[in-house]
Amino acid sequence: MELVLKILICFFAGAGAGLGTGFAGMSAAAVVGPILVAFLGIPPYEAVGIGLISDVLASAVSAYTYKKNGNLDVKNSLPMMLSVLIVTVIGSIVASFLPERAMGSTMQIALIFIGLRFILKPVNTTKEQMAAISPRERLIKSIIGGVFIGFICGFVGAGGGMMMLFVLTSFLGYQMHMAVGTSVFIMAFTALTGGISHFAIGGIPDITAMILCVVFTLIWARIAAVIANKAPEKTLSRIAGVIMVVTSVVVLGFNFLIK
C-alpha cells in the first residue's frame, strides 16, 4: 500500500512537472520538491535534488522536440547559460550567509503576476521582430539576463525556468516557442549541475521516488512539448501563464502545509 501511494504521488508530481517543463520551460524541481516534502516526508534538500534530476531528461527531451521544430536558439543561448551557471553559485553563497531565505514566497507571488501577464497580454512576437535585434545587443542582454536569472536561482532556489521565459520574451524579444525551447535547453544543464551538487553534498536520495519522478516527468514533458509546438503563439503564451499561476499557488499552498 505504501508503494502504491508513493507511485501515485510521484505520478502527479511528475505530471505537473512535465507539463510545466514542456509547455512553459519551467524547472521540474519547483513542482516535484514541494510535493515530495508535503506528501512523502522527504527532506527538502533531498526532494529538490530529486526534482533537479527529474528536470534533466525532461528538459533535454523537450529541447530536442523544440529543436526539431526549429524553435531552439543554441548559439545565442550559450552566453546566457554560462552566466546563469556562474551567478547561481554566487547567489547560493550569498544566501548561505542569511538567517532566513524569506524570498521564496515573494518569488511565487511575483510569478503569479508574470503568469497573468502572459495570459492577459500573450506574446505575439514575429521572426522579423526577433531578427531586428543586433547580435551585439542580444549578447549583452543575454549576459545581463543570465546574471539576473542565476542570482534568483541561487538565492531563492526556485523560479529560474519561469523567470528565464519572462526574460527571453520581454527582454530579448523572443517568440514564445523559441523562448520555451531555449529555456528548457539551458535548464537541462543547470538542473544537471544542481542535481549533482545536491547529491554530492546530501548523499544518495530515495531511489524509488527518484526513478518514478524521472520517468513520469519525462513522459509528460515529451507529451507537452509535442502539443506545444503545434499550438499558436498566443495559445502557448496563455497556457504558460496558466501553468505559472497554478504552479505558484500550489507551491505556496504546499509551503503553508509544510510549515
C-alpha atoms as a PDB file:
ATOM      1  CA  MET A   1       0.000   0.000   0.000  1.00  0.00           C
ATOM      2  CA  GLU A   2       2.869   2.337   0.851  1.00  0.00           C
ATOM      3  CA  LEU A   3       4.467   1.675  -2.542  1.00  0.00           C
ATOM      4  CA  VAL A   4       1.171   2.320  -4.357  1.00  0.00           C
ATOM      5  CA  LEU A   5       0.820   5.653  -2.544  1.00  0.00           C
ATOM      6  CA  LYS A   6       4.378   6.596  -3.467  1.00  0.00           C
ATOM      7  CA  ILE A   7       3.735   5.739  -7.122  1.00  0.00           C
ATOM      8  CA  LEU A   8       0.559   7.865  -7.192  1.00  0.00           C
ATOM      9  CA  ILE A   9       2.234  10.856  -5.555  1.00  0.00           C
ATOM     10  CA  CYS A  10       5.237  10.630  -7.876  1.00  0.00           C
ATOM     11  CA  PHE A  11       2.874  10.289 -10.847  1.00  0.00           C
ATOM     12  CA  PHE A  12       1.061  13.519 -10.022  1.00  0.00           C
ATOM     13  CA  ALA A  13       4.348  15.277  -9.204  1.00  0.00           C
ATOM     14  CA  GLY A  14       5.844  14.103 -12.496  1.00  0.00           C
ATOM     15  CA  ALA A  15       2.723  15.041 -14.465  1.00  0.00           C
ATOM     16  CA  GLY A  16       2.683  18.585 -13.072  1.00  0.00           C
ATOM     17  CA  ALA A  17       6.426  18.996 -13.526  1.00  0.00           C
ATOM     18  CA  GLY A  18       6.429  17.515 -17.029  1.00  0.00           C
ATOM     19  CA  LEU A  19       3.567  19.681 -18.261  1.00  0.00           C
ATOM     20  CA  GLY A  20       5.256  22.748 -16.815  1.00  0.00           C
ATOM     21  CA  THR A  21       8.552  21.861 -18.467  1.00  0.00           C
ATOM     22  CA  GLY A  22       7.114  21.048 -21.894  1.00  0.00           C
ATOM     23  CA  PHE A  23       4.677  23.961 -22.070  1.00  0.00           C
ATOM     24  CA  ALA A  24       6.412  26.707 -20.084  1.00  0.00           C
ATOM     25  CA  GLY A  25      10.075  25.719 -19.786  1.00  0.00           C
ATOM     26  CA  MET A  26       9.922  25.757 -16.011  1.00  0.00           C
ATOM     27  CA  SER A  27      12.073  23.722 -13.624  1.00  0.00           C
ATOM     28  CA  ALA A  28      10.630  20.378 -12.510  1.00  0.00           C
ATOM     29  CA  ALA A  29      12.080  20.993  -9.045  1.00  0.00           C
ATOM     30  CA  ALA A  30       9.536  23.779  -8.496  1.00  0.00           C
ATOM     31  CA  VAL A  31       6.757  21.155  -8.519  1.00  0.00           C
ATOM     32  CA  VAL A  32       8.408  17.884  -7.536  1.00  0.00           C
ATOM     33  CA  GLY A  33      10.204  19.244  -4.477  1.00  0.00           C
ATOM     34  CA  PRO A  34       7.210  20.650  -2.534  1.00  0.00           C
ATOM     35  CA  ILE A  35       5.013  17.612  -3.340  1.00  0.00           C
ATOM     36  CA  LEU A  36       7.599  15.082  -2.144  1.00  0.00           C
ATOM     37  CA  VAL A  37       8.158  17.064   1.045  1.00  0.00           C
ATOM     38  CA  ALA A  38       4.440  17.552   1.776  1.00  0.00           C
ATOM     39  CA  PHE A  39       3.164  14.037   0.983  1.00  0.00           C
ATOM     40  CA  LEU A  40       6.126  11.661   1.366  1.00  0.00           C
ATOM     41  CA  GLY A  41       8.007  13.453   4.123  1.00  0.00           C
ATOM     42  CA  ILE A  42      11.229  13.519   2.096  1.00  0.00           C
ATOM     43  CA  PRO A  43      13.722  16.100   3.454  1.00  0.00           C
ATOM     44  CA  PRO A  44      13.555  19.369   1.465  1.00  0.00           C
ATOM     45  CA  TYR A  45      17.173  19.292   0.293  1.00  0.00           C
ATOM     46  CA  GLU A  46      16.789  15.718  -0.956  1.00  0.00           C
ATOM     47  CA  ALA A  47      13.428  16.497  -2.582  1.00  0.00           C
ATOM     48  CA  VAL A  48      14.895  19.426  -4.519  1.00  0.00           C
ATOM     49  CA  GLY A  49      17.730  17.168  -5.682  1.00  0.00           C
ATOM     50  CA  ILE A  50      15.226  14.605  -6.991  1.00  0.00           C
ATOM     51  CA  GLY A  51      13.339  17.409  -8.733  1.00  0.00           C
ATOM     52  CA  LEU A  52      16.518  18.670 -10.386  1.00  0.00           C
ATOM     53  CA  ILE A  53      17.489  15.208 -11.632  1.00  0.00           C
ATOM     54  CA  SER A  54      13.927  14.750 -12.944  1.00  0.00           C
ATOM     55  CA  ASP A  55      14.382  18.026 -14.774  1.00  0.00           C
ATOM     56  CA  VAL A  56      17.498  16.917 -16.669  1.00  0.00           C
ATOM     57  CA  LEU A  57      15.933  14.328 -19.010  1.00  0.00           C
ATOM     58  CA  ALA A  58      12.598  16.153 -19.168  1.00  0.00           C
ATOM     59  CA  SER A  59      14.271  19.396 -20.264  1.00  0.00           C
ATOM     60  CA  ALA A  60      16.583  17.550 -22.660  1.00  0.00           C
ATOM     61  CA  VAL A  61      13.752  15.721 -24.447  1.00  0.00           C
ATOM     62  CA  SER A  62      11.697  18.935 -24.545  1.00  0.00           C
ATOM     63  CA  ALA A  63      14.653  20.841 -26.006  1.00  0.00           C
ATOM     64  CA  TYR A  64      15.100  18.114 -28.648  1.00  0.00           C
ATOM     65  CA  THR A  65      11.420  18.368 -29.592  1.00  0.00           C
ATOM     66  CA  TYR A  66      11.586  22.157 -29.888  1.00  0.00           C
ATOM     67  CA  LYS A  67      14.839  21.873 -31.868  1.00  0.00           C
ATOM     68  CA  LYS A  68      13.201  19.513 -34.379  1.00  0.00           C
ATOM     69  CA  ASN A  69      10.535  22.151 -34.928  1.00  0.00           C
ATOM     70  CA  GLY A  70      13.056  24.941 -35.415  1.00  0.00           C
ATOM     71  CA  ASN A  71      12.315  26.513 -32.031  1.00  0.00           C
ATOM     72  CA  LEU A  72      15.685  26.444 -30.273  1.00  0.00           C
ATOM     73  CA  ASP A  73      18.391  29.147 -30.391  1.00  0.00           C
ATOM     74  CA  VAL A  74      21.501  27.249 -29.281  1.00  0.00           C
ATOM     75  CA  LYS A  75      24.106  29.778 -30.436  1.00  0.00           C
ATOM     76  CA  ASN A  76      22.663  32.810 -28.648  1.00  0.00           C
ATOM     77  CA  SER A  77      21.684  30.822 -25.547  1.00  0.00           C
ATOM     78  CA  LEU A  78      25.269  29.850 -24.631  1.00  0.00           C
ATOM     79  CA  PRO A  79      26.299  33.244 -23.124  1.00  0.00           C
ATOM     80  CA  MET A  80      23.135  33.276 -21.028  1.00  0.00           C
ATOM     81  CA  MET A  81      23.659  29.676 -19.907  1.00  0.00           C
ATOM     82  CA  LEU A  82      27.247  30.385 -18.851  1.00  0.00           C
ATOM     83  CA  SER A  83      26.280  33.471 -16.848  1.00  0.00           C
ATOM     84  CA  VAL A  84      23.365  31.600 -15.231  1.00  0.00           C
ATOM     85  CA  LEU A  85      25.653  28.760 -14.094  1.00  0.00           C
ATOM     86  CA  ILE A  86      28.295  31.104 -12.675  1.00  0.00           C
ATOM     87  CA  VAL A  87      25.960  33.520 -10.889  1.00  0.00           C
ATOM     88  CA  THR A  88      23.811  30.682  -9.483  1.00  0.00           C
ATOM     89  CA  VAL A  89      26.834  29.648  -7.413  1.00  0.00           C
ATOM     90  CA  ILE A  90      27.346  33.247  -6.268  1.00  0.00           C
ATOM     91  CA  GLY A  91      23.664  33.553  -5.320  1.00  0.00           C
ATOM     92  CA  SER A  92      23.854  30.328  -3.308  1.00  0.00           C
ATOM     93  CA  ILE A  93      26.898  31.603  -1.422  1.00  0.00           C
ATOM     94  CA  VAL A  94      25.182  34.912  -0.624  1.00  0.00           C
ATOM     95  CA  ALA A  95      22.048  33.080   0.563  1.00  0.00           C
ATOM     96  CA  SER A  96      24.096  30.847   2.872  1.00  0.00           C
ATOM     97  CA  PHE A  97      25.088  33.868   4.960  1.00  0.00           C
ATOM     98  CA  LEU A  98      21.497  34.942   5.562  1.00  0.00           C
ATOM     99  CA  PRO A  99      19.499  33.669   8.575  1.00  0.00           C
ATOM    100  CA  GLU A 100      16.347  33.013   6.548  1.00  0.00           C
ATOM    101  CA  ARG A 101      15.526  32.605   2.864  1.00  0.00           C
ATOM    102  CA  ALA A 102      12.400  34.690   3.038  1.00  0.00           C
ATOM    103  CA  MET A 103      12.246  35.455  -0.658  1.00  0.00           C
ATOM    104  CA  GLY A 104      10.694  32.089  -1.580  1.00  0.00           C
ATOM    105  CA  SER A 105       7.074  33.168  -1.110  1.00  0.00           C
ATOM    106  CA  THR A 106       7.811  36.576  -2.624  1.00  0.00           C
ATOM    107  CA  MET A 107       9.111  34.864  -5.764  1.00  0.00           C
ATOM    108  CA  GLN A 108       5.966  32.718  -6.076  1.00  0.00           C
ATOM    109  CA  ILE A 109       3.788  35.826  -5.808  1.00  0.00           C
ATOM    110  CA  ALA A 110       5.924  37.562  -8.456  1.00  0.00           C
ATOM    111  CA  LEU A 111       5.487  34.544 -10.747  1.00  0.00           C
ATOM    112  CA  ILE A 112       1.706  34.775 -10.358  1.00  0.00           C
ATOM    113  CA  PHE A 113       1.817  38.326 -11.722  1.00  0.00           C
ATOM    114  CA  ILE A 114       4.139  37.251 -14.557  1.00  0.00           C
ATOM    115  CA  GLY A 115       1.752  34.399 -15.374  1.00  0.00           C
ATOM    116  CA  LEU A 116      -1.151  36.829 -15.503  1.00  0.00           C
ATOM    117  CA  ARG A 117       0.866  38.964 -17.887  1.00  0.00           C
ATOM    118  CA  PHE A 118       1.252  36.014 -20.282  1.00  0.00           C
ATOM    119  CA  ILE A 119      -2.486  35.309 -20.044  1.00  0.00           C
ATOM    120  CA  LEU A 120      -3.771  38.865 -20.446  1.00  0.00           C
ATOM    121  CA  LYS A 121      -1.087  40.075 -22.861  1.00  0.00           C
ATOM    122  CA  PRO A 122       0.141  36.979 -24.725  1.00  0.00           C
ATOM    123  CA  VAL A 123       3.460  37.035 -26.560  1.00  0.00           C
ATOM    124  CA  ASN A 124       2.974  37.559 -30.296  1.00  0.00           C
ATOM    125  CA  THR A 125       6.492  38.355 -31.498  1.00  0.00           C
ATOM    126  CA  THR A 126       7.285  37.638 -35.168  1.00  0.00           C
ATOM    127  CA  LYS A 127      10.513  36.179 -36.602  1.00  0.00           C
ATOM    128  CA  GLU A 128      11.156  39.519 -38.292  1.00  0.00           C
ATOM    129  CA  GLN A 129      10.998  41.309 -34.933  1.00  0.00           C
ATOM    130  CA  MET A 130      13.392  38.760 -33.425  1.00  0.00           C
ATOM    131  CA  ALA A 131      15.853  39.213 -36.289  1.00  0.00           C
ATOM    132  CA  ALA A 132      15.782  43.005 -35.877  1.00  0.00           C
ATOM    133  CA  ILE A 133      17.862  42.813 -32.679  1.00  0.00           C
ATOM    134  CA  SER A 134      21.590  43.124 -33.453  1.00  0.00           C
ATOM    135  CA  PRO A 135      23.990  40.299 -32.393  1.00  0.00           C
ATOM    136  CA  ARG A 136      25.857  42.673 -30.059  1.00  0.00           C
ATOM    137  CA  GLU A 137      22.685  43.840 -28.341  1.00  0.00           C
ATOM    138  CA  ARG A 138      21.468  40.257 -27.999  1.00  0.00           C
ATOM    139  CA  LEU A 139      24.808  39.181 -26.478  1.00  0.00           C
ATOM    140  CA  ILE A 140      24.782  41.970 -23.892  1.00  0.00           C
ATOM    141  CA  LYS A 141      21.153  41.348 -22.978  1.00  0.00           C
ATOM    142  CA  SER A 142      21.772  37.581 -22.745  1.00  0.00           C
ATOM    143  CA  ILE A 143      24.585  38.062 -20.236  1.00  0.00           C
ATOM    144  CA  ILE A 144      22.634  40.602 -18.166  1.00  0.00           C
ATOM    145  CA  GLY A 145      19.553  38.392 -18.217  1.00  0.00           C
ATOM    146  CA  GLY A 146      21.642  35.357 -17.244  1.00  0.00           C
ATOM    147  CA  VAL A 147      23.106  37.212 -14.265  1.00  0.00           C
ATOM    148  CA  PHE A 148      19.604  38.161 -13.103  1.00  0.00           C
ATOM    149  CA  ILE A 149      18.223  34.626 -13.523  1.00  0.00           C
ATOM    150  CA  GLY A 150      21.288  32.982 -11.988  1.00  0.00           C
ATOM    151  CA  PHE A 151      21.110  35.093  -8.855  1.00  0.00           C
ATOM    152  CA  ILE A 152      17.427  34.256  -8.424  1.00  0.00           C
ATOM    153  CA  CYS A 153      18.138  30.537  -8.885  1.00  0.00           C
ATOM    154  CA  GLY A 154      20.961  30.572  -6.359  1.00  0.00           C
ATOM    155  CA  PHE A 155      19.417  32.928  -3.808  1.00  0.00           C
ATOM    156  CA  VAL A 156      15.794  31.787  -3.847  1.00  0.00           C
ATOM    157  CA  GLY A 157      16.266  28.220  -5.099  1.00  0.00           C
ATOM    158  CA  ALA A 158      13.220  28.250  -7.416  1.00  0.00           C
ATOM    159  CA  GLY A 159      11.615  30.084 -10.293  1.00  0.00           C
ATOM    160  CA  GLY A 160      14.635  30.064 -12.613  1.00  0.00           C
ATOM    161  CA  GLY A 161      12.919  28.450 -15.594  1.00  0.00           C
ATOM    162  CA  MET A 162       9.869  30.682 -15.456  1.00  0.00           C
ATOM    163  CA  MET A 163      11.959  33.824 -14.938  1.00  0.00           C
ATOM    164  CA  MET A 164      14.079  32.751 -17.914  1.00  0.00           C
ATOM    165  CA  LEU A 165      10.956  32.550 -20.066  1.00  0.00           C
ATOM    166  CA  PHE A 166       9.966  36.061 -18.980  1.00  0.00           C
ATOM    167  CA  VAL A 167      13.440  37.460 -19.713  1.00  0.00           C
ATOM    168  CA  LEU A 168      13.650  35.775 -23.125  1.00  0.00           C
ATOM    169  CA  THR A 169      10.271  37.079 -24.272  1.00  0.00           C
ATOM    170  CA  SER A 170      10.211  40.524 -22.634  1.00  0.00           C
ATOM    171  CA  PHE A 171      13.898  41.473 -22.556  1.00  0.00           C
ATOM    172  CA  LEU A 172      15.367  39.696 -25.579  1.00  0.00           C
ATOM    173  CA  GLY A 173      12.273  39.769 -27.811  1.00  0.00           C
ATOM    174  CA  TYR A 174      11.998  36.023 -28.441  1.00  0.00           C
ATOM    175  CA  GLN A 175       8.973  34.326 -29.946  1.00  0.00           C
ATOM    176  CA  MET A 176       7.114  32.211 -27.391  1.00  0.00           C
ATOM    177  CA  HIS A 177       8.035  28.850 -28.928  1.00  0.00           C
ATOM    178  CA  MET A 178      11.681  29.862 -29.330  1.00  0.00           C
ATOM    179  CA  ALA A 179      11.752  31.143 -25.741  1.00  0.00           C
ATOM    180  CA  VAL A 180      10.401  27.900 -24.269  1.00  0.00           C
ATOM    181  CA  GLY A 181      12.740  25.775 -26.401  1.00  0.00           C
ATOM    182  CA  THR A 182      15.769  27.852 -25.422  1.00  0.00           C
ATOM    183  CA  SER A 183      14.701  27.855 -21.770  1.00  0.00           C
ATOM    184  CA  VAL A 184      14.474  24.059 -21.491  1.00  0.00           C
ATOM    185  CA  PHE A 185      17.808  23.714 -23.280  1.00  0.00           C
ATOM    186  CA  ILE A 186      19.525  25.891 -20.668  1.00  0.00           C
ATOM    187  CA  MET A 187      17.591  24.302 -17.788  1.00  0.00           C
ATOM    188  CA  ALA A 188      18.848  20.829 -18.756  1.00  0.00           C
ATOM    189  CA  PHE A 189      22.409  21.922 -17.967  1.00  0.00           C
ATOM    190  CA  THR A 190      21.598  23.984 -14.882  1.00  0.00           C
ATOM    191  CA  ALA A 191      19.480  21.128 -13.472  1.00  0.00           C
ATOM    192  CA  LEU A 192      22.293  18.622 -14.063  1.00  0.00           C
ATOM    193  CA  THR A 193      24.770  20.869 -12.279  1.00  0.00           C
ATOM    194  CA  GLY A 194      22.369  21.496  -9.390  1.00  0.00           C
ATOM    195  CA  GLY A 195      21.357  17.830  -9.080  1.00  0.00           C
ATOM    196  CA  ILE A 196      24.940  16.573  -8.939  1.00  0.00           C
ATOM    197  CA  SER A 197      25.783  19.229  -6.330  1.00  0.00           C
ATOM    198  CA  HIS A 198      22.802  18.235  -4.192  1.00  0.00           C
ATOM    199  CA  PHE A 199      23.677  14.546  -4.204  1.00  0.00           C
ATOM    200  CA  ALA A 200      27.381  15.204  -3.678  1.00  0.00           C
ATOM    201  CA  ILE A 201      26.528  17.162  -0.530  1.00  0.00           C
ATOM    202  CA  GLY A 202      23.414  15.361   0.717  1.00  0.00           C
ATOM    203  CA  GLY A 203      24.137  11.791  -0.374  1.00  0.00           C
ATOM    204  CA  ILE A 204      22.010   9.287  -2.297  1.00  0.00           C
ATOM    205  CA  PRO A 205      18.244  10.112  -2.229  1.00  0.00           C
ATOM    206  CA  ASP A 206      15.201   7.840  -2.143  1.00  0.00           C
ATOM    207  CA  ILE A 207      15.996   5.784  -5.269  1.00  0.00           C
ATOM    208  CA  THR A 208      12.410   4.605  -5.849  1.00  0.00           C
ATOM    209  CA  ALA A 209      10.984   8.113  -5.661  1.00  0.00           C
ATOM    210  CA  MET A 210      13.747   9.452  -7.881  1.00  0.00           C
ATOM    211  CA  ILE A 211      13.235   6.832 -10.623  1.00  0.00           C
ATOM    212  CA  LEU A 212       9.447   7.291 -10.559  1.00  0.00           C
ATOM    213  CA  CYS A 213       9.684  11.083 -10.742  1.00  0.00           C
ATOM    214  CA  VAL A 214      12.268  10.972 -13.539  1.00  0.00           C
ATOM    215  CA  VAL A 215      10.145   8.592 -15.646  1.00  0.00           C
ATOM    216  CA  PHE A 216       6.793  10.346 -15.125  1.00  0.00           C
ATOM    217  CA  THR A 217       8.276  13.829 -15.643  1.00  0.00           C
ATOM    218  CA  LEU A 218       9.992  12.673 -18.841  1.00  0.00           C
ATOM    219  CA  ILE A 219       6.798  11.159 -20.285  1.00  0.00           C
ATOM    220  CA  TRP A 220       4.628  14.206 -19.582  1.00  0.00           C
ATOM    221  CA  ALA A 221       7.299  16.664 -20.739  1.00  0.00           C
ATOM    222  CA  ARG A 222       7.512  14.863 -24.078  1.00  0.00           C
ATOM    223  CA  ILE A 223       3.719  14.924 -24.491  1.00  0.00           C
ATOM    224  CA  ALA A 224       3.535  18.614 -23.564  1.00  0.00           C
ATOM    225  CA  ALA A 225       6.387  19.604 -25.884  1.00  0.00           C
ATOM    226  CA  VAL A 226       4.794  17.858 -28.877  1.00  0.00           C
ATOM    227  CA  ILE A 227       1.453  19.593 -28.266  1.00  0.00           C
ATOM    228  CA  ALA A 228       3.101  22.960 -27.552  1.00  0.00           C
ATOM    229  CA  ASN A 229       4.957  23.021 -30.859  1.00  0.00           C
ATOM    230  CA  LYS A 230       1.661  22.640 -32.714  1.00  0.00           C
ATOM    231  CA  ALA A 231      -0.072  25.418 -30.779  1.00  0.00           C
ATOM    232  CA  PRO A 232      -0.263  29.065 -31.984  1.00  0.00           C
ATOM    233  CA  GLU A 233       1.971  31.629 -30.261  1.00  0.00           C
ATOM    234  CA  LYS A 234      -0.850  33.282 -28.311  1.00  0.00           C
ATOM    235  CA  THR A 235      -2.285  29.947 -27.181  1.00  0.00           C
ATOM    236  CA  LEU A 236       1.102  28.721 -25.917  1.00  0.00           C
ATOM    237  CA  SER A 237       1.627  32.041 -24.123  1.00  0.00           C
ATOM    238  CA  ARG A 238      -1.691  31.709 -22.307  1.00  0.00           C
ATOM    239  CA  ILE A 239      -1.028  28.058 -21.435  1.00  0.00           C
ATOM    240  CA  ALA A 240       2.360  29.024 -19.987  1.00  0.00           C
ATOM    241  CA  GLY A 241       0.692  31.811 -17.999  1.00  0.00           C
ATOM    242  CA  VAL A 242      -1.921  29.463 -16.552  1.00  0.00           C
ATOM    243  CA  ILE A 243       0.793  26.968 -15.586  1.00  0.00           C
ATOM    244  CA  MET A 244       2.775  29.714 -13.847  1.00  0.00           C
ATOM    245  CA  VAL A 245      -0.222  30.918 -11.855  1.00  0.00           C
ATOM    246  CA  VAL A 246      -1.474  27.441 -10.888  1.00  0.00           C
ATOM    247  CA  THR A 247       2.020  26.169 -10.007  1.00  0.00           C
ATOM    248  CA  SER A 248       2.822  29.194  -7.862  1.00  0.00           C
ATOM    249  CA  VAL A 249      -0.488  28.950  -5.986  1.00  0.00           C
ATOM    250  CA  VAL A 250       0.016  25.205  -5.404  1.00  0.00           C
ATOM    251  CA  VAL A 251       3.608  25.675  -4.217  1.00  0.00           C
ATOM    252  CA  LEU A 252       2.502  28.428  -1.822  1.00  0.00           C
ATOM    253  CA  GLY A 253      -0.146  26.033  -0.501  1.00  0.00           C
ATOM    254  CA  PHE A 254       2.367  23.221  -0.022  1.00  0.00           C
ATOM    255  CA  ASN A 255       4.813  25.563   1.733  1.00  0.00           C
ATOM    256  CA  PHE A 256       1.999  26.525   4.093  1.00  0.00           C
ATOM    257  CA  LEU A 257       1.242  22.840   4.809  1.00  0.00           C
ATOM    258  CA  ILE A 258       4.899  22.069   5.433  1.00  0.00           C
ATOM    259  CA  LYS A 259       5.150  24.893   7.972  1.00  0.00           C
END
